[in-house]
């Protein structure tokens, strides 16, 4: 019986694994409270616009124009943008863990996430993600989103890695279904300690 391939690549979600989610329901609720928006109207507009935002069809300015600034406001667009960026925080232990993995120099380190271009660039720079990851498979660059199969196929095709040499980490079960179908090793993230244990169980060395 042939031996299992050694892992050569790690694909990692950002929001919910390394950092807090970039622009999730909780962040939007806080925005509504901070700027006294009509919550139902804003959420309705967000739902119509979010797919285009995350796949690079809308800029963040376009999104804000249509979701909030479609009428005069007594606050500015930069103040809303700054509020959005400020929601991002590092999750305990996760960046330290990927720093150790990157430092080992044994694996292709890549992100695979859904995010708008502006928020993605902010988070990469703010949290020094270029120090750990060499490739960023983000929906805004690829034009497709998780949980749909094409984004995972693109990551495999561009990285030229067979699926059984790859681990994909995400906090949402739905996002793990297609990569599992493709033959990747999948890990549902709960904590940095749990992730380290599961990576070591799959033979990764730190």
N, C-alpha and C. Protein backbone atom coordinates (compact mmCIF):
# COMPACT_ATOMS: atom_id res chain seq x y z
N UNK A 1 0.85 -1.20 0.00
CA UNK A 1 0.00 0.00 0.00
C UNK A 1 0.88 1.24 0.00
N UNK A 2 0.68 2.21 -0.94
CA UNK A 2 1.54 3.39 -0.99
C UNK A 2 1.37 4.25 0.24
N UNK A 3 2.48 4.87 0.66
CA UNK A 3 2.42 5.75 1.83
C UNK A 3 1.74 7.06 1.47
N UNK A 4 1.13 7.70 2.48
CA UNK A 4 0.45 8.97 2.26
C UNK A 4 1.47 10.05 1.94
N UNK A 5 1.06 10.98 1.10
CA UNK A 5 1.94 12.10 0.76
C UNK A 5 2.17 12.97 1.99
N UNK A 6 3.35 13.56 2.06
CA UNK A 6 3.60 14.55 3.09
C UNK A 6 2.92 15.86 2.73
N UNK A 7 2.47 16.57 3.73
CA UNK A 7 1.84 17.87 3.51
C UNK A 7 2.89 18.85 3.01
N UNK A 8 2.54 19.57 1.94
CA UNK A 8 3.47 20.57 1.40
C UNK A 8 2.89 21.98 1.38
N UNK A 9 1.59 22.11 1.67
CA UNK A 9 0.96 23.43 1.59
C UNK A 9 -0.14 23.57 2.64
N UNK A 10 -0.21 24.78 3.19
CA UNK A 10 -1.28 25.12 4.14
C UNK A 10 -2.07 26.28 3.56
N UNK A 11 -3.38 26.07 3.40
CA UNK A 11 -4.29 27.13 2.99
C UNK A 11 -5.13 27.49 4.21
N UNK A 12 -5.17 28.78 4.54
CA UNK A 12 -5.75 29.20 5.80
C UNK A 12 -6.74 30.34 5.61
N UNK A 13 -7.93 30.18 6.17
CA UNK A 13 -8.88 31.30 6.24
C UNK A 13 -8.26 32.40 7.10
N UNK A 14 -8.76 33.62 6.94
CA UNK A 14 -8.26 34.75 7.74
C UNK A 14 -9.27 35.08 8.85
N UNK A 15 -10.44 35.58 8.47
CA UNK A 15 -11.45 35.91 9.47
C UNK A 15 -12.01 34.67 10.14
N UNK A 16 -11.90 34.62 11.46
CA UNK A 16 -12.37 33.47 12.21
C UNK A 16 -11.30 32.45 12.52
N UNK A 17 -10.11 32.61 11.92
CA UNK A 17 -8.98 31.72 12.20
C UNK A 17 -7.77 32.52 12.70
N UNK A 18 -7.36 33.51 11.91
CA UNK A 18 -6.22 34.34 12.30
C UNK A 18 -6.68 35.63 12.99
N UNK A 19 -7.73 36.21 12.44
CA UNK A 19 -8.25 37.49 12.93
C UNK A 19 -9.75 37.36 13.16
N UNK A 20 -10.31 38.35 13.83
CA UNK A 20 -11.77 38.42 13.88
C UNK A 20 -12.31 38.60 12.47
N UNK A 21 -13.58 38.29 12.26
CA UNK A 21 -14.17 38.47 10.94
C UNK A 21 -14.12 39.93 10.53
N UNK A 22 -13.88 40.13 9.23
CA UNK A 22 -13.67 41.49 8.75
C UNK A 22 -14.92 42.35 8.75
N UNK A 23 -16.03 41.80 8.28
CA UNK A 23 -17.24 42.62 8.15
C UNK A 23 -18.45 41.73 8.30
N UNK A 24 -18.60 41.15 9.48
CA UNK A 24 -19.67 40.20 9.73
C UNK A 24 -20.88 40.88 10.37
N UNK A 25 -21.86 40.08 10.75
CA UNK A 25 -23.11 40.63 11.28
C UNK A 25 -22.87 41.45 12.54
N UNK A 26 -21.99 40.99 13.41
CA UNK A 26 -21.71 41.74 14.63
C UNK A 26 -21.09 43.09 14.35
N UNK A 27 -20.14 43.14 13.42
CA UNK A 27 -19.52 44.40 13.06
C UNK A 27 -20.52 45.37 12.45
N UNK A 28 -21.41 44.84 11.63
CA UNK A 28 -22.42 45.69 11.00
C UNK A 28 -23.42 46.20 12.03
N UNK A 29 -23.76 45.37 13.00
CA UNK A 29 -24.66 45.82 14.06
C UNK A 29 -24.03 46.97 14.86
N UNK A 30 -22.75 46.84 15.14
CA UNK A 30 -22.06 47.92 15.87
C UNK A 30 -22.01 49.20 15.04
N UNK A 31 -21.85 49.06 13.73
CA UNK A 31 -21.87 50.24 12.85
C UNK A 31 -23.23 50.93 12.91
N UNK A 32 -24.29 50.14 12.84
CA UNK A 32 -25.65 50.69 12.91
C UNK A 32 -25.84 51.47 14.21
N UNK A 33 -25.36 50.92 15.31
CA UNK A 33 -25.51 51.59 16.60
C UNK A 33 -24.64 52.85 16.67
N UNK A 34 -23.41 52.75 16.19
CA UNK A 34 -22.49 53.89 16.27
C UNK A 34 -22.98 55.08 15.46
N UNK A 35 -23.51 54.83 14.26
CA UNK A 35 -23.89 55.91 13.36
C UNK A 35 -25.40 56.10 13.26
N UNK A 36 -26.15 55.41 14.11
CA UNK A 36 -27.60 55.55 14.20
C UNK A 36 -28.28 55.36 12.83
N UNK A 37 -27.93 54.24 12.19
CA UNK A 37 -28.52 53.92 10.90
C UNK A 37 -29.82 53.15 11.09
N UNK A 38 -30.62 53.13 10.06
CA UNK A 38 -31.78 52.24 10.01
C UNK A 38 -31.23 50.84 9.75
N UNK A 39 -31.26 49.99 10.77
CA UNK A 39 -30.62 48.68 10.68
C UNK A 39 -31.19 47.80 9.59
N UNK A 40 -32.51 47.76 9.46
CA UNK A 40 -33.14 46.90 8.46
C UNK A 40 -32.78 47.36 7.05
N UNK A 41 -32.79 48.67 6.83
CA UNK A 41 -32.46 49.20 5.51
C UNK A 41 -31.00 48.92 5.17
N UNK A 42 -30.11 49.17 6.12
CA UNK A 42 -28.69 48.95 5.86
C UNK A 42 -28.41 47.47 5.60
N UNK A 43 -28.99 46.59 6.40
CA UNK A 43 -28.72 45.16 6.21
C UNK A 43 -29.29 44.67 4.88
N UNK A 44 -30.43 45.18 4.49
CA UNK A 44 -31.01 44.81 3.21
C UNK A 44 -30.09 45.22 2.06
N UNK A 45 -29.59 46.43 2.13
CA UNK A 45 -28.67 46.91 1.10
C UNK A 45 -27.38 46.11 1.12
N UNK A 46 -26.86 45.83 2.32
CA UNK A 46 -25.63 45.04 2.42
C UNK A 46 -25.79 43.69 1.74
N UNK A 47 -26.90 43.02 1.98
CA UNK A 47 -27.10 41.69 1.41
C UNK A 47 -27.10 41.73 -0.12
N UNK A 48 -27.63 42.78 -0.69
CA UNK A 48 -27.62 42.92 -2.15
C UNK A 48 -26.23 43.21 -2.69
N UNK A 49 -25.38 43.88 -1.90
CA UNK A 49 -24.10 44.38 -2.39
C UNK A 49 -22.90 43.53 -1.99
N UNK A 50 -23.04 42.71 -0.96
CA UNK A 50 -21.87 42.07 -0.37
C UNK A 50 -21.15 41.12 -1.32
N UNK A 51 -21.91 40.38 -2.14
CA UNK A 51 -21.26 39.47 -3.08
C UNK A 51 -20.39 40.21 -4.07
N UNK A 52 -20.89 41.32 -4.60
CA UNK A 52 -20.12 42.11 -5.55
C UNK A 52 -18.91 42.75 -4.88
N UNK A 53 -19.06 43.16 -3.62
CA UNK A 53 -17.95 43.74 -2.88
C UNK A 53 -16.83 42.71 -2.68
N UNK A 54 -17.21 41.52 -2.25
CA UNK A 54 -16.20 40.50 -1.93
C UNK A 54 -15.57 39.86 -3.15
N UNK A 55 -16.18 40.00 -4.32
CA UNK A 55 -15.58 39.45 -5.53
C UNK A 55 -14.95 40.52 -6.41
N UNK A 56 -14.76 41.71 -5.86
CA UNK A 56 -14.02 42.74 -6.57
C UNK A 56 -14.81 43.50 -7.61
N UNK A 57 -16.12 43.32 -7.65
CA UNK A 57 -16.94 44.04 -8.63
C UNK A 57 -17.33 45.44 -8.14
N UNK A 58 -17.27 45.64 -6.83
CA UNK A 58 -17.52 46.94 -6.23
C UNK A 58 -16.32 47.34 -5.38
N UNK A 59 -15.93 48.60 -5.44
CA UNK A 59 -14.94 49.10 -4.50
C UNK A 59 -15.63 49.38 -3.17
N UNK A 60 -14.84 49.56 -2.14
CA UNK A 60 -15.42 49.89 -0.84
C UNK A 60 -16.16 51.22 -0.91
N UNK A 61 -15.62 52.18 -1.64
CA UNK A 61 -16.33 53.46 -1.81
C UNK A 61 -17.68 53.27 -2.47
N UNK A 62 -17.71 52.43 -3.52
CA UNK A 62 -18.99 52.14 -4.20
C UNK A 62 -19.99 51.52 -3.23
N UNK A 63 -19.51 50.58 -2.45
CA UNK A 63 -20.36 49.90 -1.47
C UNK A 63 -20.93 50.90 -0.47
N UNK A 64 -20.08 51.76 0.08
CA UNK A 64 -20.55 52.73 1.07
C UNK A 64 -21.51 53.73 0.45
N UNK A 65 -21.24 54.12 -0.81
CA UNK A 65 -22.16 55.04 -1.49
C UNK A 65 -23.56 54.45 -1.59
N UNK A 66 -23.65 53.17 -1.88
CA UNK A 66 -24.94 52.55 -2.12
C UNK A 66 -25.59 52.01 -0.85
N UNK A 67 -24.76 51.63 0.14
CA UNK A 67 -25.32 51.07 1.37
C UNK A 67 -25.67 52.14 2.39
N UNK A 68 -24.93 53.27 2.39
CA UNK A 68 -25.11 54.29 3.43
C UNK A 68 -25.27 55.69 2.86
N UNK A 69 -24.40 56.08 1.94
CA UNK A 69 -24.35 57.47 1.51
C UNK A 69 -25.16 57.73 0.24
N UNK A 70 -26.26 57.01 0.11
CA UNK A 70 -27.20 57.27 -0.98
C UNK A 70 -28.06 58.50 -0.66
N UNK A 71 -27.93 59.02 0.56
CA UNK A 71 -28.55 60.28 0.94
C UNK A 71 -27.61 61.01 1.88
N UNK A 72 -27.80 62.31 2.10
CA UNK A 72 -26.88 63.07 2.96
C UNK A 72 -26.85 62.51 4.38
N UNK A 73 -25.65 62.52 4.97
CA UNK A 73 -25.46 62.05 6.34
C UNK A 73 -24.72 63.12 7.13
N UNK A 74 -24.84 63.05 8.45
CA UNK A 74 -24.13 64.01 9.29
C UNK A 74 -22.79 63.45 9.78
N UNK A 75 -22.29 62.45 9.06
CA UNK A 75 -20.97 61.89 9.33
C UNK A 75 -20.32 61.59 7.98
N UNK A 76 -19.02 61.36 7.99
CA UNK A 76 -18.27 61.25 6.75
C UNK A 76 -17.99 59.80 6.35
N UNK A 77 -17.71 59.61 5.09
CA UNK A 77 -17.33 58.29 4.61
C UNK A 77 -16.01 57.82 5.24
N UNK A 78 -14.98 58.67 5.38
CA UNK A 78 -13.77 58.20 6.07
C UNK A 78 -14.02 57.72 7.49
N UNK A 79 -14.97 58.35 8.20
CA UNK A 79 -15.24 57.91 9.57
C UNK A 79 -15.84 56.51 9.59
N UNK A 80 -16.67 56.19 8.61
CA UNK A 80 -17.24 54.84 8.51
C UNK A 80 -16.16 53.84 8.12
N UNK A 81 -15.32 54.21 7.17
CA UNK A 81 -14.24 53.32 6.75
C UNK A 81 -13.30 53.02 7.92
N UNK A 82 -12.95 54.05 8.68
CA UNK A 82 -12.08 53.84 9.84
C UNK A 82 -12.74 52.93 10.87
N UNK A 83 -14.04 53.09 11.05
CA UNK A 83 -14.77 52.22 11.98
C UNK A 83 -14.70 50.77 11.50
N UNK A 84 -14.89 50.54 10.21
CA UNK A 84 -14.83 49.19 9.66
C UNK A 84 -13.47 48.56 9.92
N UNK A 85 -12.41 49.31 9.63
CA UNK A 85 -11.07 48.78 9.82
C UNK A 85 -10.79 48.46 11.29
N UNK A 86 -11.31 49.29 12.18
CA UNK A 86 -11.03 49.13 13.61
C UNK A 86 -11.66 47.87 14.21
N UNK A 87 -12.58 47.23 13.48
CA UNK A 87 -13.20 46.02 14.01
C UNK A 87 -12.25 44.82 14.01
N UNK A 88 -11.19 44.90 13.24
CA UNK A 88 -10.28 43.77 13.08
C UNK A 88 -9.32 43.64 14.26
N UNK A 89 -9.28 42.45 14.85
CA UNK A 89 -8.37 42.14 15.94
C UNK A 89 -7.77 40.75 15.71
N UNK A 90 -6.56 40.55 16.20
CA UNK A 90 -5.94 39.23 16.11
C UNK A 90 -6.59 38.27 17.10
N UNK A 91 -6.77 37.02 16.70
CA UNK A 91 -7.28 36.00 17.60
C UNK A 91 -6.13 35.43 18.44
N UNK A 92 -6.40 35.05 19.66
CA UNK A 92 -5.33 34.61 20.57
C UNK A 92 -4.52 33.43 20.02
N UNK A 93 -3.22 33.63 19.89
CA UNK A 93 -2.31 32.56 19.54
C UNK A 93 -2.19 32.21 18.08
N UNK A 94 -3.10 32.67 17.23
CA UNK A 94 -3.11 32.21 15.84
C UNK A 94 -1.93 32.75 15.03
N UNK A 95 -1.63 34.04 15.16
CA UNK A 95 -0.52 34.59 14.40
C UNK A 95 0.81 34.01 14.87
N UNK A 96 0.92 33.77 16.16
CA UNK A 96 2.14 33.16 16.68
C UNK A 96 2.32 31.75 16.10
N UNK A 97 1.22 31.04 15.96
CA UNK A 97 1.27 29.69 15.41
C UNK A 97 1.72 29.70 13.94
N UNK A 98 1.11 30.56 13.13
CA UNK A 98 1.51 30.58 11.72
C UNK A 98 2.92 31.14 11.55
N UNK A 99 3.36 32.00 12.47
CA UNK A 99 4.74 32.49 12.41
C UNK A 99 5.72 31.33 12.60
N UNK A 100 5.40 30.43 13.51
CA UNK A 100 6.26 29.27 13.72
C UNK A 100 6.26 28.34 12.51
N UNK A 101 5.08 28.14 11.93
CA UNK A 101 4.99 27.30 10.73
C UNK A 101 5.77 27.91 9.57
N UNK A 102 5.60 29.21 9.38
CA UNK A 102 6.33 29.89 8.29
C UNK A 102 7.83 29.82 8.53
N UNK A 103 8.23 29.98 9.80
CA UNK A 103 9.64 29.94 10.14
C UNK A 103 10.29 28.60 9.88
N UNK A 104 9.49 27.54 9.89
CA UNK A 104 10.04 26.21 9.61
C UNK A 104 10.50 26.10 8.15
N UNK A 105 9.90 26.89 7.26
CA UNK A 105 10.33 26.92 5.87
C UNK A 105 10.04 25.65 5.09
N UNK A 106 9.09 24.85 5.54
CA UNK A 106 8.80 23.56 4.91
C UNK A 106 7.57 23.58 4.01
N UNK A 107 6.73 24.61 4.12
CA UNK A 107 5.42 24.56 3.50
C UNK A 107 5.12 25.84 2.72
N UNK A 108 4.35 25.67 1.64
CA UNK A 108 3.72 26.83 1.02
C UNK A 108 2.66 27.33 1.97
N UNK A 109 2.73 28.60 2.32
CA UNK A 109 1.78 29.21 3.25
C UNK A 109 0.91 30.17 2.45
N UNK A 110 -0.41 29.93 2.43
CA UNK A 110 -1.32 30.75 1.64
C UNK A 110 -2.61 30.99 2.41
N UNK A 111 -3.18 32.16 2.21
CA UNK A 111 -4.52 32.40 2.74
C UNK A 111 -5.53 32.02 1.67
N UNK A 112 -6.75 31.71 2.11
CA UNK A 112 -7.85 31.42 1.19
C UNK A 112 -9.10 31.94 1.88
N UNK A 113 -9.53 33.12 1.47
CA UNK A 113 -10.59 33.81 2.24
C UNK A 113 -11.49 34.65 1.35
N UNK A 114 -12.65 34.98 1.91
CA UNK A 114 -13.58 35.93 1.29
C UNK A 114 -13.37 37.29 1.92
N UNK A 115 -13.10 38.30 1.09
CA UNK A 115 -12.94 39.64 1.65
C UNK A 115 -12.89 40.66 0.52
N UNK A 116 -13.31 41.88 0.84
CA UNK A 116 -13.19 42.97 -0.13
C UNK A 116 -11.72 43.38 -0.26
N UNK A 117 -11.39 43.99 -1.39
CA UNK A 117 -9.99 44.34 -1.67
C UNK A 117 -9.42 45.28 -0.61
N UNK A 118 -10.15 46.34 -0.30
CA UNK A 118 -9.61 47.34 0.62
C UNK A 118 -9.42 46.79 2.01
N UNK A 119 -10.39 46.04 2.49
CA UNK A 119 -10.28 45.47 3.83
C UNK A 119 -9.18 44.40 3.87
N UNK A 120 -9.09 43.62 2.82
CA UNK A 120 -8.05 42.60 2.74
C UNK A 120 -6.66 43.23 2.81
N UNK A 121 -6.44 44.28 2.02
CA UNK A 121 -5.14 44.94 2.01
C UNK A 121 -4.82 45.57 3.36
N UNK A 122 -5.83 46.16 4.00
CA UNK A 122 -5.63 46.75 5.31
C UNK A 122 -5.21 45.68 6.31
N UNK A 123 -5.88 44.56 6.32
CA UNK A 123 -5.62 43.52 7.30
C UNK A 123 -4.26 42.85 7.04
N UNK A 124 -3.91 42.66 5.78
CA UNK A 124 -2.59 42.11 5.45
C UNK A 124 -1.49 43.01 6.01
N UNK A 125 -1.63 44.33 5.79
CA UNK A 125 -0.60 45.27 6.25
C UNK A 125 -0.62 45.43 7.77
N UNK A 126 -1.81 45.61 8.34
CA UNK A 126 -1.94 45.88 9.77
C UNK A 126 -1.38 44.74 10.62
N UNK A 127 -1.61 43.51 10.21
CA UNK A 127 -1.22 42.36 11.02
C UNK A 127 0.01 41.63 10.46
N UNK A 128 0.69 42.24 9.49
CA UNK A 128 1.94 41.68 8.99
C UNK A 128 1.81 40.32 8.35
N UNK A 129 0.70 40.07 7.65
CA UNK A 129 0.46 38.73 7.11
C UNK A 129 1.45 38.36 6.01
N UNK A 130 2.06 39.36 5.36
CA UNK A 130 3.07 39.05 4.34
C UNK A 130 4.30 38.39 4.96
N UNK A 131 4.49 38.55 6.26
CA UNK A 131 5.62 37.90 6.93
C UNK A 131 5.43 36.39 7.01
N UNK A 132 4.19 35.93 6.90
CA UNK A 132 3.89 34.51 7.08
C UNK A 132 3.41 33.83 5.81
N UNK A 133 2.71 34.56 4.96
CA UNK A 133 2.09 33.96 3.77
C UNK A 133 2.70 34.53 2.50
N UNK A 134 2.92 33.65 1.53
CA UNK A 134 3.50 34.09 0.26
C UNK A 134 2.46 34.26 -0.83
N UNK A 135 1.25 33.72 -0.63
CA UNK A 135 0.18 33.82 -1.63
C UNK A 135 -1.12 34.15 -0.90
N UNK A 136 -1.95 35.00 -1.54
CA UNK A 136 -3.23 35.39 -0.95
C UNK A 136 -4.35 35.08 -1.95
N UNK A 137 -5.00 33.95 -1.75
CA UNK A 137 -6.12 33.55 -2.59
C UNK A 137 -7.39 34.14 -1.98
N UNK A 138 -7.66 35.38 -2.33
CA UNK A 138 -8.79 36.11 -1.75
C UNK A 138 -9.87 36.29 -2.81
N UNK A 139 -11.11 36.21 -2.40
CA UNK A 139 -12.23 36.29 -3.33
C UNK A 139 -12.20 37.55 -4.18
N UNK A 140 -11.73 38.67 -3.62
CA UNK A 140 -11.72 39.92 -4.39
C UNK A 140 -10.76 39.87 -5.57
N UNK A 141 -9.74 39.02 -5.50
CA UNK A 141 -8.79 38.87 -6.61
C UNK A 141 -9.22 37.78 -7.58
N UNK A 142 -9.88 36.76 -7.08
CA UNK A 142 -10.23 35.61 -7.90
C UNK A 142 -11.61 35.71 -8.54
N UNK A 143 -12.47 36.57 -7.99
CA UNK A 143 -13.80 36.74 -8.55
C UNK A 143 -14.78 35.65 -8.18
N UNK A 144 -14.40 34.77 -7.27
CA UNK A 144 -15.27 33.71 -6.77
C UNK A 144 -15.10 33.63 -5.26
N UNK A 145 -16.10 33.05 -4.59
CA UNK A 145 -16.11 33.01 -3.13
C UNK A 145 -16.20 31.58 -2.60
N UNK A 146 -15.72 31.39 -1.38
CA UNK A 146 -16.12 30.22 -0.62
C UNK A 146 -17.60 30.39 -0.30
N UNK A 147 -18.36 29.33 -0.23
CA UNK A 147 -17.97 27.92 -0.19
C UNK A 147 -17.97 27.24 -1.55
N UNK A 148 -17.92 28.00 -2.65
CA UNK A 148 -18.11 27.41 -3.98
C UNK A 148 -16.82 26.75 -4.47
N UNK A 149 -16.98 25.65 -5.16
CA UNK A 149 -15.87 24.81 -5.58
C UNK A 149 -14.78 25.53 -6.38
N UNK A 150 -15.10 26.44 -7.31
CA UNK A 150 -14.05 27.02 -8.14
C UNK A 150 -12.92 27.70 -7.38
N UNK A 151 -13.19 28.31 -6.23
CA UNK A 151 -12.11 29.01 -5.53
C UNK A 151 -11.06 28.02 -5.02
N UNK A 152 -11.50 26.84 -4.61
CA UNK A 152 -10.56 25.83 -4.13
C UNK A 152 -9.78 25.23 -5.30
N UNK A 153 -10.46 25.02 -6.42
CA UNK A 153 -9.76 24.52 -7.62
C UNK A 153 -8.70 25.51 -8.06
N UNK A 154 -9.03 26.81 -8.04
CA UNK A 154 -8.06 27.83 -8.43
C UNK A 154 -6.82 27.78 -7.54
N UNK A 155 -7.04 27.66 -6.24
CA UNK A 155 -5.91 27.61 -5.31
C UNK A 155 -5.00 26.42 -5.62
N UNK A 156 -5.59 25.27 -5.92
CA UNK A 156 -4.79 24.10 -6.27
C UNK A 156 -4.09 24.28 -7.60
N UNK A 157 -4.80 24.82 -8.59
CA UNK A 157 -4.22 25.00 -9.92
C UNK A 157 -3.06 25.99 -9.90
N UNK A 158 -3.25 27.12 -9.24
CA UNK A 158 -2.21 28.15 -9.23
C UNK A 158 -1.01 27.69 -8.41
N UNK A 159 -1.26 27.03 -7.30
CA UNK A 159 -0.15 26.58 -6.46
C UNK A 159 0.50 25.30 -6.98
N UNK A 160 -0.17 24.62 -7.93
CA UNK A 160 0.34 23.37 -8.50
C UNK A 160 0.64 22.35 -7.41
N UNK A 161 -0.32 22.18 -6.51
CA UNK A 161 -0.21 21.20 -5.44
C UNK A 161 -1.31 20.16 -5.59
N UNK A 162 -0.98 18.88 -5.46
CA UNK A 162 -2.04 17.86 -5.41
C UNK A 162 -2.83 18.04 -4.12
N UNK A 163 -4.13 17.78 -4.16
CA UNK A 163 -4.96 18.05 -2.98
C UNK A 163 -4.54 17.28 -1.74
N UNK A 164 -4.02 16.06 -1.90
CA UNK A 164 -3.67 15.29 -0.71
C UNK A 164 -2.36 15.73 -0.07
N UNK A 165 -1.72 16.77 -0.64
CA UNK A 165 -0.56 17.39 -0.01
C UNK A 165 -0.94 18.70 0.69
N UNK A 166 -2.24 19.01 0.73
CA UNK A 166 -2.68 20.31 1.22
C UNK A 166 -3.59 20.18 2.43
N UNK A 167 -3.45 21.14 3.34
CA UNK A 167 -4.36 21.28 4.46
C UNK A 167 -5.10 22.60 4.30
N UNK A 168 -6.41 22.57 4.50
CA UNK A 168 -7.20 23.81 4.50
C UNK A 168 -7.85 23.97 5.86
N UNK A 169 -7.70 25.17 6.43
CA UNK A 169 -8.22 25.48 7.76
C UNK A 169 -9.27 26.56 7.65
N UNK A 170 -10.45 26.32 8.22
CA UNK A 170 -11.53 27.30 8.22
C UNK A 170 -12.37 27.06 9.47
N UNK A 171 -13.03 28.11 9.93
CA UNK A 171 -13.87 27.94 11.12
C UNK A 171 -15.30 27.53 10.80
N UNK A 172 -15.71 27.58 9.53
CA UNK A 172 -17.08 27.27 9.17
C UNK A 172 -17.19 25.92 8.47
N UNK A 173 -18.04 25.03 8.97
CA UNK A 173 -18.16 23.70 8.36
C UNK A 173 -18.52 23.74 6.87
N UNK A 174 -19.39 24.67 6.46
CA UNK A 174 -19.79 24.75 5.06
C UNK A 174 -18.60 24.99 4.15
N UNK A 175 -17.64 25.78 4.62
CA UNK A 175 -16.46 26.10 3.79
C UNK A 175 -15.50 24.92 3.67
N UNK A 176 -15.70 23.88 4.46
CA UNK A 176 -14.83 22.71 4.42
C UNK A 176 -15.36 21.60 3.51
N UNK A 177 -16.60 21.73 3.08
CA UNK A 177 -17.22 20.63 2.32
C UNK A 177 -16.58 20.44 0.95
N UNK A 178 -16.43 21.51 0.18
CA UNK A 178 -15.85 21.37 -1.17
C UNK A 178 -14.37 20.97 -1.13
N UNK A 179 -13.55 21.57 -0.28
CA UNK A 179 -12.16 21.09 -0.25
C UNK A 179 -12.04 19.63 0.18
N UNK A 180 -12.90 19.19 1.09
CA UNK A 180 -12.90 17.77 1.46
C UNK A 180 -13.26 16.92 0.25
N UNK A 181 -14.24 17.37 -0.52
CA UNK A 181 -14.65 16.65 -1.73
C UNK A 181 -13.50 16.55 -2.73
N UNK A 182 -12.68 17.60 -2.79
CA UNK A 182 -11.54 17.62 -3.71
C UNK A 182 -10.38 16.78 -3.22
N UNK A 183 -10.39 16.39 -1.96
CA UNK A 183 -9.33 15.54 -1.44
C UNK A 183 -8.32 16.24 -0.56
N UNK A 184 -8.58 17.51 -0.19
CA UNK A 184 -7.69 18.20 0.74
C UNK A 184 -7.94 17.67 2.16
N UNK A 185 -6.91 17.76 2.99
CA UNK A 185 -7.10 17.57 4.42
C UNK A 185 -7.76 18.84 4.96
N UNK A 186 -8.80 18.70 5.76
CA UNK A 186 -9.50 19.88 6.27
C UNK A 186 -9.51 19.86 7.79
N UNK A 187 -9.43 21.05 8.36
CA UNK A 187 -9.48 21.23 9.81
C UNK A 187 -10.45 22.36 10.11
N UNK A 188 -11.42 22.09 10.96
CA UNK A 188 -12.30 23.16 11.43
C UNK A 188 -11.66 23.81 12.65
N UNK A 189 -11.37 25.10 12.54
CA UNK A 189 -10.66 25.83 13.59
C UNK A 189 -11.56 26.10 14.78
N UNK A 190 -11.03 25.83 15.98
CA UNK A 190 -11.69 26.21 17.22
C UNK A 190 -10.80 27.08 18.09
N UNK A 191 -9.50 26.78 18.08
CA UNK A 191 -8.53 27.56 18.85
C UNK A 191 -7.15 27.30 18.29
N UNK A 192 -6.19 28.15 18.65
CA UNK A 192 -4.82 27.95 18.18
C UNK A 192 -4.24 26.64 18.70
N UNK A 193 -4.53 26.33 19.97
CA UNK A 193 -4.01 25.08 20.55
C UNK A 193 -4.58 23.86 19.84
N UNK A 194 -5.87 23.88 19.56
CA UNK A 194 -6.51 22.76 18.84
C UNK A 194 -5.94 22.64 17.43
N UNK A 195 -5.72 23.78 16.76
CA UNK A 195 -5.17 23.75 15.40
C UNK A 195 -3.76 23.18 15.40
N UNK A 196 -2.93 23.61 16.34
CA UNK A 196 -1.57 23.08 16.41
C UNK A 196 -1.58 21.57 16.60
N UNK A 197 -2.44 21.09 17.49
CA UNK A 197 -2.52 19.66 17.73
C UNK A 197 -2.94 18.90 16.47
N UNK A 198 -3.91 19.42 15.74
CA UNK A 198 -4.39 18.73 14.54
C UNK A 198 -3.37 18.80 13.40
N UNK A 199 -2.65 19.90 13.29
CA UNK A 199 -1.60 19.99 12.27
C UNK A 199 -0.48 19.00 12.57
N UNK A 200 -0.08 18.89 13.83
CA UNK A 200 0.97 17.93 14.19
C UNK A 200 0.51 16.51 13.94
N UNK A 201 -0.78 16.23 14.16
CA UNK A 201 -1.31 14.90 13.90
C UNK A 201 -1.24 14.54 12.42
N UNK A 202 -1.21 15.55 11.56
CA UNK A 202 -1.09 15.33 10.11
C UNK A 202 0.34 15.40 9.66
N UNK A 203 1.28 15.47 10.59
CA UNK A 203 2.69 15.38 10.25
C UNK A 203 3.40 16.68 10.02
N UNK A 204 2.73 17.82 10.23
CA UNK A 204 3.41 19.09 10.03
C UNK A 204 4.40 19.35 11.16
N UNK A 205 5.54 19.89 10.79
CA UNK A 205 6.61 20.16 11.75
C UNK A 205 6.79 21.67 11.88
N UNK A 206 6.97 22.10 13.11
CA UNK A 206 7.06 23.53 13.40
C UNK A 206 8.52 23.94 13.58
